[in-house]
Amino acid sequence: MDLALLRTFVTVHRAGSFTRAAALLGLSQPAVTSQIRTLERQVGRPLFLRQARGVTPTTIGDELAHKAAPHLDALVEIAETGLDDDSSLRTLHLAGPPEFTAERALPALTELAGHGGQRVALRASFGTAEEALEGLAAGHHDLAISTARPRGALLTATPLCDEEHVLVAAPSWAERIEPWRHRKGAPVLENLPVVEVHESLPFMSRYWASVFDSRPAASGAVIVPDLRAVLACACAGAGLAVLPRYLCASALARGDVVALHEPAVPPLRTYFLVVRTGTLVMPHIARAHEWLQRAAIDWC
């Protein structure tokens, strides 16, 4: 079986589209289509179901990708780094949410560069869980940190750590809403400003659903797509916010913000380490994977 055909097939499988695969491979779409048809004739079975937007792998297509992709990735690794392990510089492409990656993952991985005489260069990309997993599947990243567990056999996820969420505000706001802090039931937020990462109030809504089994009746006063900026605005008195405890622990200790509620069972969100199935045979990916798991022991 032609390795070039397999490479095209795996790229289409990961990209979910002939058009995207063609762009990744530097080929025309007709060339990609022709190669897939040739491979399907060799296999004797259809590998993809053509749809209006993209393609979906058949069962035999998934099986072939599961078997072939790790070996193709290993061959690419050899081609890119060569055979001289002592002098080669491997690059680890990491993707994840900006706050967790910057505050947790990257500091833990910086010591990996040059560790044990085997040098690893780091390249980080920030994005949503969906963006990180799509980029990983397409081969743009080696390792992704995600709050969503991927489905299917193409990607393999390992639980990394749990993130506790805390409802916080500046001390001045805590004084104003003191009456409900010690009562049962959900607080009323209609007249209280909220700081969030999106208009849909994802963190506040998740907290309310988990702790109060209800939905918050509030609208965002400040919307900024970075939890570190949310914390800064909350410290400045812009309003209430729900934040990961690791991110606001120092601000809580200094008294810049206070926890407005301490539920018996705090809301948690799980982070996963995700790789393309089979790629943990590559030493630099395996070391980073293990390094983060060891570091996460102190994060919990």
C-alpha atoms as a PDB file:
ATOM      1  CA  MET A   1       0.000   0.000   0.000  1.00  0.00           C
ATOM      2  CA  ASP A   2       1.409   3.383  -1.057  1.00  0.00           C
ATOM      3  CA  LEU A   3       2.549   5.477   1.940  1.00  0.00           C
ATOM      4  CA  ALA A   4       1.675   8.678   0.088  1.00  0.00           C
ATOM      5  CA  LEU A   5      -1.919   7.474  -0.252  1.00  0.00           C
ATOM      6  CA  LEU A   6      -2.023   6.586   3.440  1.00  0.00           C
ATOM      7  CA  ARG A   7      -0.671  10.012   4.371  1.00  0.00           C
ATOM      8  CA  THR A   8      -3.390  11.690   2.326  1.00  0.00           C
ATOM      9  CA  PHE A   9      -6.011   9.389   3.822  1.00  0.00           C
ATOM     10  CA  VAL A  10      -4.954  10.120   7.420  1.00  0.00           C
ATOM     11  CA  THR A  11      -4.926  13.864   6.718  1.00  0.00           C
ATOM     12  CA  VAL A  12      -8.464  13.711   5.301  1.00  0.00           C
ATOM     13  CA  HIS A  13      -9.585  11.609   8.271  1.00  0.00           C
ATOM     14  CA  ARG A  14      -8.209  14.161  10.719  1.00  0.00           C
ATOM     15  CA  ALA A  15      -9.377  17.229   8.811  1.00  0.00           C
ATOM     16  CA  GLY A  16     -12.853  15.868   8.043  1.00  0.00           C
ATOM     17  CA  SER A  17     -12.757  17.500   4.638  1.00  0.00           C
ATOM     18  CA  PHE A  18     -11.041  17.037   1.280  1.00  0.00           C
ATOM     19  CA  THR A  19     -10.685  20.816   1.003  1.00  0.00           C
ATOM     20  CA  ARG A  20      -8.986  21.256   4.388  1.00  0.00           C
ATOM     21  CA  ALA A  21      -6.788  18.211   3.779  1.00  0.00           C
ATOM     22  CA  ALA A  22      -5.701  19.591   0.414  1.00  0.00           C
ATOM     23  CA  ALA A  23      -4.660  22.856   2.064  1.00  0.00           C
ATOM     24  CA  LEU A  24      -2.699  20.989   4.745  1.00  0.00           C
ATOM     25  CA  LEU A  25      -0.939  18.803   2.167  1.00  0.00           C
ATOM     26  CA  GLY A  26      -0.316  21.537  -0.385  1.00  0.00           C
ATOM     27  CA  LEU A  27      -2.273  19.634  -3.017  1.00  0.00           C
ATOM     28  CA  SER A  28      -5.293  20.440  -5.140  1.00  0.00           C
ATOM     29  CA  GLN A  29      -8.649  19.075  -4.030  1.00  0.00           C
ATOM     30  CA  PRO A  30      -8.995  16.936  -7.217  1.00  0.00           C
ATOM     31  CA  ALA A  31      -5.600  15.372  -6.439  1.00  0.00           C
ATOM     32  CA  VAL A  32      -6.718  14.490  -2.914  1.00  0.00           C
ATOM     33  CA  THR A  33     -10.005  13.087  -4.224  1.00  0.00           C
ATOM     34  CA  SER A  34      -8.137  10.997  -6.788  1.00  0.00           C
ATOM     35  CA  GLN A  35      -5.759   9.584  -4.175  1.00  0.00           C
ATOM     36  CA  ILE A  36      -8.602   8.625  -1.849  1.00  0.00           C
ATOM     37  CA  ARG A  37     -10.436   6.899  -4.697  1.00  0.00           C
ATOM     38  CA  THR A  38      -7.265   4.971  -5.576  1.00  0.00           C
ATOM     39  CA  LEU A  39      -6.881   3.853  -1.965  1.00  0.00           C
ATOM     40  CA  GLU A  40     -10.558   2.846  -1.792  1.00  0.00           C
ATOM     41  CA  ARG A  41     -10.068   0.683  -4.887  1.00  0.00           C
ATOM     42  CA  GLN A  42      -7.052  -0.979  -3.255  1.00  0.00           C
ATOM     43  CA  VAL A  43      -8.931  -1.586  -0.016  1.00  0.00           C
ATOM     44  CA  GLY A  44     -12.076  -2.632  -1.851  1.00  0.00           C
ATOM     45  CA  ARG A  45     -14.323  -0.664   0.499  1.00  0.00           C
ATOM     46  CA  PRO A  46     -15.415   2.984   0.795  1.00  0.00           C
ATOM     47  CA  LEU A  47     -13.397   4.866   3.393  1.00  0.00           C
ATOM     48  CA  PHE A  48     -15.509   8.022   3.624  1.00  0.00           C
ATOM     49  CA  LEU A  49     -19.130   9.022   3.259  1.00  0.00           C
ATOM     50  CA  ARG A  50     -19.374  12.241   1.251  1.00  0.00           C
ATOM     51  CA  GLN A  51     -21.641  14.870   2.787  1.00  0.00           C
ATOM     52  CA  ALA A  52     -22.661  18.421   1.932  1.00  0.00           C
ATOM     53  CA  ARG A  53     -20.025  19.761   4.307  1.00  0.00           C
ATOM     54  CA  GLY A  54     -17.002  17.520   4.589  1.00  0.00           C
ATOM     55  CA  VAL A  55     -16.735  13.769   4.911  1.00  0.00           C
ATOM     56  CA  THR A  56     -17.434  11.186   7.594  1.00  0.00           C
ATOM     57  CA  PRO A  57     -15.251   8.065   7.857  1.00  0.00           C
ATOM     58  CA  THR A  58     -16.862   4.674   7.433  1.00  0.00           C
ATOM     59  CA  THR A  59     -16.179   1.898   9.950  1.00  0.00           C
ATOM     60  CA  ILE A  60     -13.377   0.538   7.784  1.00  0.00           C
ATOM     61  CA  GLY A  61     -12.050   4.090   7.418  1.00  0.00           C
ATOM     62  CA  ASP A  62     -11.881   4.519  11.195  1.00  0.00           C
ATOM     63  CA  GLU A  63     -10.171   1.145  11.575  1.00  0.00           C
ATOM     64  CA  LEU A  64      -7.567   1.976   8.939  1.00  0.00           C
ATOM     65  CA  ALA A  65      -6.873   5.397  10.487  1.00  0.00           C
ATOM     66  CA  HIS A  66      -6.512   3.836  13.938  1.00  0.00           C
ATOM     67  CA  LYS A  67      -3.936   1.359  12.621  1.00  0.00           C
ATOM     68  CA  ALA A  68      -2.034   3.592  10.196  1.00  0.00           C
ATOM     69  CA  ALA A  69      -1.920   7.021  11.863  1.00  0.00           C
ATOM     70  CA  PRO A  70       0.516   6.210  14.728  1.00  0.00           C
ATOM     71  CA  HIS A  71       3.027   4.634  12.335  1.00  0.00           C
ATOM     72  CA  LEU A  72       2.811   7.541   9.900  1.00  0.00           C
ATOM     73  CA  ASP A  73       3.317   9.986  12.766  1.00  0.00           C
ATOM     74  CA  ALA A  74       6.382   8.021  13.873  1.00  0.00           C
ATOM     75  CA  LEU A  75       7.823   8.135  10.347  1.00  0.00           C
ATOM     76  CA  VAL A  76       7.250  11.893  10.203  1.00  0.00           C
ATOM     77  CA  GLU A  77       9.029  12.216  13.554  1.00  0.00           C
ATOM     78  CA  ILE A  78      12.044  10.344  12.217  1.00  0.00           C
ATOM     79  CA  ALA A  79      12.070  12.416   9.035  1.00  0.00           C
ATOM     80  CA  GLU A  80      11.885  15.710  10.932  1.00  0.00           C
ATOM     81  CA  THR A  81      14.411  14.942  13.696  1.00  0.00           C
ATOM     82  CA  GLY A  82      16.775  12.524  11.987  1.00  0.00           C
ATOM     83  CA  LEU A  83      18.498   9.622  13.682  1.00  0.00           C
ATOM     84  CA  ASP A  84      20.942  11.549  15.873  1.00  0.00           C
ATOM     85  CA  ASP A  85      18.998  11.731  19.130  1.00  0.00           C
ATOM     86  CA  ASP A  86      21.791  13.521  20.967  1.00  0.00           C
ATOM     87  CA  SER A  87      21.885  16.553  18.706  1.00  0.00           C
ATOM     88  CA  SER A  88      18.287  16.800  17.494  1.00  0.00           C
ATOM     89  CA  LEU A  89      15.994  19.495  18.817  1.00  0.00           C
ATOM     90  CA  ARG A  90      12.423  18.272  19.013  1.00  0.00           C
ATOM     91  CA  THR A  91       9.556  20.744  19.054  1.00  0.00           C
ATOM     92  CA  LEU A  92       6.473  20.105  21.152  1.00  0.00           C
ATOM     93  CA  HIS A  93       3.371  21.880  19.862  1.00  0.00           C
ATOM     94  CA  LEU A  94       0.972  22.397  22.759  1.00  0.00           C
ATOM     95  CA  ALA A  95      -2.576  23.766  22.599  1.00  0.00           C
ATOM     96  CA  GLY A  96      -4.940  24.690  25.387  1.00  0.00           C
ATOM     97  CA  PRO A  97      -6.994  27.382  27.115  1.00  0.00           C
ATOM     98  CA  PRO A  98      -4.937  30.561  27.583  1.00  0.00           C
ATOM     99  CA  GLU A  99      -5.236  30.930  31.360  1.00  0.00           C
ATOM    100  CA  PHE A 100      -4.591  27.312  32.383  1.00  0.00           C
ATOM    101  CA  THR A 101      -1.856  26.848  29.780  1.00  0.00           C
ATOM    102  CA  ALA A 102      -0.081  30.045  30.807  1.00  0.00           C
ATOM    103  CA  GLU A 103      -0.501  29.678  34.571  1.00  0.00           C
ATOM    104  CA  ARG A 104      -0.120  25.905  34.948  1.00  0.00           C
ATOM    105  CA  ALA A 105       1.116  23.967  31.925  1.00  0.00           C
ATOM    106  CA  LEU A 106       3.874  26.150  30.493  1.00  0.00           C
ATOM    107  CA  PRO A 107       5.654  26.801  33.834  1.00  0.00           C
ATOM    108  CA  ALA A 108       5.608  23.042  34.453  1.00  0.00           C
ATOM    109  CA  LEU A 109       7.050  22.286  31.014  1.00  0.00           C
ATOM    110  CA  THR A 110       9.797  24.908  30.865  1.00  0.00           C
ATOM    111  CA  GLU A 111      12.140  22.663  32.859  1.00  0.00           C
ATOM    112  CA  LEU A 112      11.640  20.001  30.203  1.00  0.00           C
ATOM    113  CA  ALA A 113      13.637  22.084  27.738  1.00  0.00           C
ATOM    114  CA  GLY A 114      17.131  20.641  27.819  1.00  0.00           C
ATOM    115  CA  HIS A 115      16.177  18.053  30.452  1.00  0.00           C
ATOM    116  CA  GLY A 116      18.499  15.042  30.497  1.00  0.00           C
ATOM    117  CA  GLY A 117      20.450  16.319  27.497  1.00  0.00           C
ATOM    118  CA  GLN A 118      17.448  15.856  25.203  1.00  0.00           C
ATOM    119  CA  ARG A 119      16.311  19.283  24.136  1.00  0.00           C
ATOM    120  CA  VAL A 120      12.652  20.118  23.618  1.00  0.00           C
ATOM    121  CA  ALA A 121      11.451  23.391  22.144  1.00  0.00           C
ATOM    122  CA  LEU A 122       7.956  24.523  23.143  1.00  0.00           C
ATOM    123  CA  ARG A 123       5.381  26.138  20.880  1.00  0.00           C
ATOM    124  CA  ALA A 124       2.037  27.020  22.488  1.00  0.00           C
ATOM    125  CA  SER A 125      -1.294  27.915  20.907  1.00  0.00           C
ATOM    126  CA  PHE A 126      -4.307  29.232  22.824  1.00  0.00           C
ATOM    127  CA  GLY A 127      -7.910  28.519  21.942  1.00  0.00           C
ATOM    128  CA  THR A 128     -11.172  26.883  22.916  1.00  0.00           C
ATOM    129  CA  ALA A 129     -11.471  23.158  23.607  1.00  0.00           C
ATOM    130  CA  GLU A 130     -13.033  22.657  20.177  1.00  0.00           C
ATOM    131  CA  GLU A 131     -10.223  24.550  18.444  1.00  0.00           C
ATOM    132  CA  ALA A 132      -7.530  22.663  20.345  1.00  0.00           C
ATOM    133  CA  LEU A 133      -9.001  19.250  19.549  1.00  0.00           C
ATOM    134  CA  GLU A 134      -9.575  20.097  15.886  1.00  0.00           C
ATOM    135  CA  GLY A 135      -5.999  21.313  15.565  1.00  0.00           C
ATOM    136  CA  LEU A 136      -4.691  18.209  17.296  1.00  0.00           C
ATOM    137  CA  ALA A 137      -6.690  15.914  15.029  1.00  0.00           C
ATOM    138  CA  ALA A 138      -5.451  17.800  11.970  1.00  0.00           C
ATOM    139  CA  GLY A 139      -1.843  17.360  13.062  1.00  0.00           C
ATOM    140  CA  HIS A 140      -1.159  21.001  13.969  1.00  0.00           C
ATOM    141  CA  HIS A 141      -0.490  20.146  17.638  1.00  0.00           C
ATOM    142  CA  ASP A 142       1.205  17.259  19.452  1.00  0.00           C
ATOM    143  CA  LEU A 143      -0.588  17.615  22.766  1.00  0.00           C
ATOM    144  CA  ALA A 144      -3.781  19.413  23.773  1.00  0.00           C
ATOM    145  CA  ILE A 145      -5.204  20.400  27.141  1.00  0.00           C
ATOM    146  CA  SER A 146      -8.979  20.343  26.968  1.00  0.00           C
ATOM    147  CA  THR A 147     -12.009  20.586  29.233  1.00  0.00           C
ATOM    148  CA  ALA A 148     -13.903  18.358  26.769  1.00  0.00           C
ATOM    149  CA  ARG A 149     -13.219  14.646  26.414  1.00  0.00           C
ATOM    150  CA  PRO A 150     -12.992  13.772  22.710  1.00  0.00           C
ATOM    151  CA  ARG A 151     -15.042  10.992  21.180  1.00  0.00           C
ATOM    152  CA  GLY A 152     -13.853   8.282  18.832  1.00  0.00           C
ATOM    153  CA  ALA A 153     -10.614   6.351  18.571  1.00  0.00           C
ATOM    154  CA  LEU A 154      -8.523   8.973  16.769  1.00  0.00           C
ATOM    155  CA  LEU A 155      -7.729  10.916  19.977  1.00  0.00           C
ATOM    156  CA  THR A 156      -6.827   9.534  23.399  1.00  0.00           C
ATOM    157  CA  ALA A 157      -7.654  11.524  26.554  1.00  0.00           C
ATOM    158  CA  THR A 158      -6.196  11.172  30.053  1.00  0.00           C
ATOM    159  CA  PRO A 159      -7.722  13.036  33.039  1.00  0.00           C
ATOM    160  CA  LEU A 160      -5.219  15.603  34.288  1.00  0.00           C
ATOM    161  CA  CYS A 161      -6.787  17.505  37.190  1.00  0.00           C
ATOM    162  CA  ASP A 162      -9.987  19.044  38.514  1.00  0.00           C
ATOM    163  CA  GLU A 163     -10.513  22.784  38.720  1.00  0.00           C
ATOM    164  CA  GLU A 164     -12.645  24.200  41.570  1.00  0.00           C
ATOM    165  CA  HIS A 165     -14.774  27.252  40.816  1.00  0.00           C
ATOM    166  CA  VAL A 166     -15.368  30.056  43.321  1.00  0.00           C
ATOM    167  CA  LEU A 167     -17.939  32.865  43.369  1.00  0.00           C
ATOM    168  CA  VAL A 168     -16.006  36.033  44.198  1.00  0.00           C
ATOM    169  CA  ALA A 169     -16.318  39.807  44.318  1.00  0.00           C
ATOM    170  CA  ALA A 170     -14.461  42.784  45.731  1.00  0.00           C
ATOM    171  CA  PRO A 171     -15.028  43.345  49.492  1.00  0.00           C
ATOM    172  CA  SER A 172     -17.269  46.351  48.793  1.00  0.00           C
ATOM    173  CA  TRP A 173     -19.737  44.148  46.902  1.00  0.00           C
ATOM    174  CA  ALA A 174     -19.608  41.482  49.598  1.00  0.00           C
ATOM    175  CA  GLU A 175     -20.738  44.051  52.155  1.00  0.00           C
ATOM    176  CA  ARG A 176     -23.705  45.107  50.014  1.00  0.00           C
ATOM    177  CA  ILE A 177     -25.013  41.577  49.520  1.00  0.00           C
ATOM    178  CA  GLU A 178     -24.245  40.300  53.014  1.00  0.00           C
ATOM    179  CA  PRO A 179     -27.932  39.507  53.851  1.00  0.00           C
ATOM    180  CA  TRP A 180     -28.183  36.538  51.472  1.00  0.00           C
ATOM    181  CA  ARG A 181     -24.684  35.159  52.035  1.00  0.00           C
ATOM    182  CA  HIS A 182     -25.823  33.156  55.042  1.00  0.00           C
ATOM    183  CA  ARG A 183     -29.244  32.131  53.711  1.00  0.00           C
ATOM    184  CA  LYS A 184     -30.157  29.001  51.811  1.00  0.00           C
ATOM    185  CA  GLY A 185     -31.109  29.176  48.162  1.00  0.00           C
ATOM    186  CA  ALA A 186     -29.798  31.049  45.174  1.00  0.00           C
ATOM    187  CA  PRO A 187     -29.004  34.754  45.478  1.00  0.00           C
ATOM    188  CA  VAL A 188     -30.857  37.267  43.339  1.00  0.00           C
ATOM    189  CA  LEU A 189     -28.566  38.901  40.798  1.00  0.00           C
ATOM    190  CA  GLU A 190     -30.902  41.110  38.795  1.00  0.00           C
ATOM    191  CA  ASN A 191     -29.362  44.317  40.089  1.00  0.00           C
ATOM    192  CA  LEU A 192     -25.805  43.061  40.493  1.00  0.00           C
ATOM    193  CA  PRO A 193     -23.128  43.466  37.799  1.00  0.00           C
ATOM    194  CA  VAL A 194     -21.391  40.355  36.528  1.00  0.00           C
ATOM    195  CA  VAL A 195     -17.946  39.984  34.968  1.00  0.00           C
ATOM    196  CA  GLU A 196     -17.696  37.103  32.481  1.00  0.00           C
ATOM    197  CA  VAL A 197     -15.863  35.719  29.462  1.00  0.00           C
ATOM    198  CA  HIS A 198     -18.942  35.614  27.231  1.00  0.00           C
ATOM    199  CA  GLU A 199     -22.437  37.070  26.981  1.00  0.00           C
ATOM    200  CA  SER A 200     -23.899  33.614  27.699  1.00  0.00           C
ATOM    201  CA  LEU A 201     -22.319  33.734  31.199  1.00  0.00           C
ATOM    202  CA  PRO A 202     -20.841  30.209  30.985  1.00  0.00           C
ATOM    203  CA  PHE A 203     -19.020  30.209  34.331  1.00  0.00           C
ATOM    204  CA  MET A 204     -21.831  31.863  36.266  1.00  0.00           C
ATOM    205  CA  SER A 205     -24.445  29.566  34.676  1.00  0.00           C
ATOM    206  CA  ARG A 206     -22.420  26.436  35.413  1.00  0.00           C
ATOM    207  CA  TYR A 207     -21.970  27.525  39.031  1.00  0.00           C
ATOM    208  CA  TRP A 208     -25.681  28.300  39.501  1.00  0.00           C
ATOM    209  CA  ALA A 209     -26.738  24.996  37.940  1.00  0.00           C
ATOM    210  CA  SER A 210     -24.335  22.979  40.098  1.00  0.00           C
ATOM    211  CA  VAL A 211     -24.819  24.761  43.420  1.00  0.00           C
ATOM    212  CA  PHE A 212     -28.365  26.161  43.295  1.00  0.00           C
ATOM    213  CA  ASP A 213     -29.959  23.962  40.603  1.00  0.00           C
ATOM    214  CA  SER A 214     -31.199  27.072  38.851  1.00  0.00           C
ATOM    215  CA  ARG A 215     -30.181  29.678  36.280  1.00  0.00           C
ATOM    216  CA  PRO A 216     -28.779  33.091  37.206  1.00  0.00           C
ATOM    217  CA  ALA A 217     -31.002  36.032  36.311  1.00  0.00           C
ATOM    218  CA  ALA A 218     -28.282  38.493  35.410  1.00  0.00           C
ATOM    219  CA  SER A 219     -26.527  40.151  32.515  1.00  0.00           C
ATOM    220  CA  GLY A 220     -22.860  40.860  32.025  1.00  0.00           C
ATOM    221  CA  ALA A 221     -21.549  44.279  32.980  1.00  0.00           C
ATOM    222  CA  VAL A 222     -18.062  43.477  31.693  1.00  0.00           C
ATOM    223  CA  ILE A 223     -17.409  40.781  29.073  1.00  0.00           C
ATOM    224  CA  VAL A 224     -13.765  39.972  28.377  1.00  0.00           C
ATOM    225  CA  PRO A 225     -12.494  36.679  26.868  1.00  0.00           C
ATOM    226  CA  ASP A 226      -9.732  36.001  29.391  1.00  0.00           C
ATOM    227  CA  LEU A 227     -10.198  34.842  32.976  1.00  0.00           C
ATOM    228  CA  ARG A 228      -7.159  36.816  34.111  1.00  0.00           C
ATOM    229  CA  ALA A 229      -8.853  39.987  32.916  1.00  0.00           C
ATOM    230  CA  VAL A 230     -12.074  38.853  34.631  1.00  0.00           C
ATOM    231  CA  LEU A 231     -10.123  38.586  37.896  1.00  0.00           C
ATOM    232  CA  ALA A 232      -8.583  42.032  37.415  1.00  0.00           C
ATOM    233  CA  CYS A 233     -12.015  43.560  36.821  1.00  0.00           C
ATOM    234  CA  ALA A 234     -13.490  41.776  39.843  1.00  0.00           C
ATOM    235  CA  CYS A 235     -10.637  43.055  42.029  1.00  0.00           C
ATOM    236  CA  ALA A 236     -11.330  46.558  40.748  1.00  0.00           C
ATOM    237  CA  GLY A 237     -14.961  46.256  41.877  1.00  0.00           C
ATOM    238  CA  ALA A 238     -16.622  45.758  38.493  1.00  0.00           C
ATOM    239  CA  GLY A 239     -18.906  43.021  39.798  1.00  0.00           C
ATOM    240  CA  LEU A 240     -19.329  39.365  40.722  1.00  0.00           C
ATOM    241  CA  ALA A 241     -17.369  36.634  38.965  1.00  0.00           C
ATOM    242  CA  VAL A 242     -16.918  32.878  39.030  1.00  0.00           C
ATOM    243  CA  LEU A 243     -13.251  31.941  38.745  1.00  0.00           C
ATOM    244  CA  PRO A 244     -11.007  28.891  39.102  1.00  0.00           C
ATOM    245  CA  ARG A 245      -9.630  28.796  42.628  1.00  0.00           C
ATOM    246  CA  TYR A 246      -6.027  28.400  41.432  1.00  0.00           C
ATOM    247  CA  LEU A 247      -6.368  31.645  39.469  1.00  0.00           C
ATOM    248  CA  CYS A 248      -7.826  33.752  42.274  1.00  0.00           C
ATOM    249  CA  ALA A 249      -6.096  32.108  45.281  1.00  0.00           C
ATOM    250  CA  SER A 250      -3.548  34.909  45.688  1.00  0.00           C
ATOM    251  CA  ALA A 251      -6.212  37.603  45.331  1.00  0.00           C
ATOM    252  CA  LEU A 252      -8.300  35.828  47.973  1.00  0.00           C
ATOM    253  CA  ALA A 253      -5.306  35.616  50.302  1.00  0.00           C
ATOM    254  CA  ARG A 254      -4.587  39.342  49.856  1.00  0.00           C
ATOM    255  CA  GLY A 255      -8.226  40.277  50.368  1.00  0.00           C
ATOM    256  CA  ASP A 256      -8.548  41.824  46.917  1.00  0.00           C
ATOM    257  CA  VAL A 257     -11.635  39.634  46.463  1.00  0.00           C
ATOM    258  CA  VAL A 258     -13.638  37.504  48.868  1.00  0.00           C
ATOM    259  CA  ALA A 259     -15.485  34.232  48.355  1.00  0.00           C
ATOM    260  CA  LEU A 260     -19.210  34.982  48.466  1.00  0.00           C
ATOM    261  CA  HIS A 261     -20.257  31.380  48.891  1.00  0.00           C
ATOM    262  CA  GLU A 262     -18.591  28.178  50.114  1.00  0.00           C
ATOM    263  CA  PRO A 263     -20.784  25.241  49.036  1.00  0.00           C
ATOM    264  CA  ALA A 264     -20.253  21.846  50.631  1.00  0.00           C
ATOM    265  CA  VAL A 265     -19.574  20.404  47.180  1.00  0.00           C
ATOM    266  CA  PRO A 266     -17.892  23.048  45.022  1.00  0.00           C
ATOM    267  CA  PRO A 267     -18.371  23.000  41.249  1.00  0.00           C
ATOM    268  CA  LEU A 268     -15.523  21.234  39.470  1.00  0.00           C
ATOM    269  CA  ARG A 269     -14.309  21.158  35.882  1.00  0.00           C
ATOM    270  CA  THR A 270     -11.974  18.415  34.640  1.00  0.00           C
ATOM    271  CA  TYR A 271      -9.006  19.008  32.369  1.00  0.00           C
ATOM    272  CA  PHE A 272      -7.793  16.282  30.018  1.00  0.00           C
ATOM    273  CA  LEU A 273      -4.471  15.674  28.319  1.00  0.00           C
ATOM    274  CA  VAL A 274      -5.232  14.650  24.743  1.00  0.00           C
ATOM    275  CA  VAL A 275      -2.965  13.164  22.084  1.00  0.00           C
ATOM    276  CA  ARG A 276      -3.488  11.501  18.739  1.00  0.00           C
ATOM    277  CA  THR A 277      -3.794   7.798  19.443  1.00  0.00           C
ATOM    278  CA  GLY A 278      -0.414   6.098  19.177  1.00  0.00           C
ATOM    279  CA  THR A 279       1.757   9.225  19.363  1.00  0.00           C
ATOM    280  CA  LEU A 280       2.856   8.592  22.961  1.00  0.00           C
ATOM    281  CA  VAL A 281       5.512   6.334  21.450  1.00  0.00           C
ATOM    282  CA  MET A 282       7.306   9.559  20.493  1.00  0.00           C
ATOM    283  CA  PRO A 283       9.720  10.376  23.349  1.00  0.00           C
ATOM    284  CA  HIS A 284       9.204  14.158  23.450  1.00  0.00           C
ATOM    285  CA  ILE A 285       5.407  13.819  23.567  1.00  0.00           C
ATOM    286  CA  ALA A 286       5.570  11.036  26.160  1.00  0.00           C
ATOM    287  CA  ARG A 287       7.910  13.072  28.377  1.00  0.00           C
ATOM    288  CA  ALA A 288       5.687  16.155  28.236  1.00  0.00           C
ATOM    289  CA  HIS A 289       2.611  14.005  28.950  1.00  0.00           C
ATOM    290  CA  GLU A 290       4.288  12.430  31.981  1.00  0.00           C
ATOM    291  CA  TRP A 291       5.744  15.757  33.147  1.00  0.00           C
ATOM    292  CA  LEU A 292       2.328  17.416  33.219  1.00  0.00           C
ATOM    293  CA  GLN A 293       0.751  14.482  35.041  1.00  0.00           C
ATOM    294  CA  ARG A 294       3.415  14.678  37.740  1.00  0.00           C
ATOM    295  CA  ALA A 295       2.989  18.428  38.063  1.00  0.00           C
ATOM    296  CA  ALA A 296      -0.801  18.082  38.323  1.00  0.00           C
ATOM    297  CA  ILE A 297      -0.430  16.119  41.577  1.00  0.00           C
ATOM    298  CA  ASP A 298       0.356  19.427  43.309  1.00  0.00           C
ATOM    299  CA  TRP A 299      -2.437  21.283  41.514  1.00  0.00           C
ATOM    300  CA  CYS A 300      -5.288  19.248  43.025  1.00  0.00           C
END
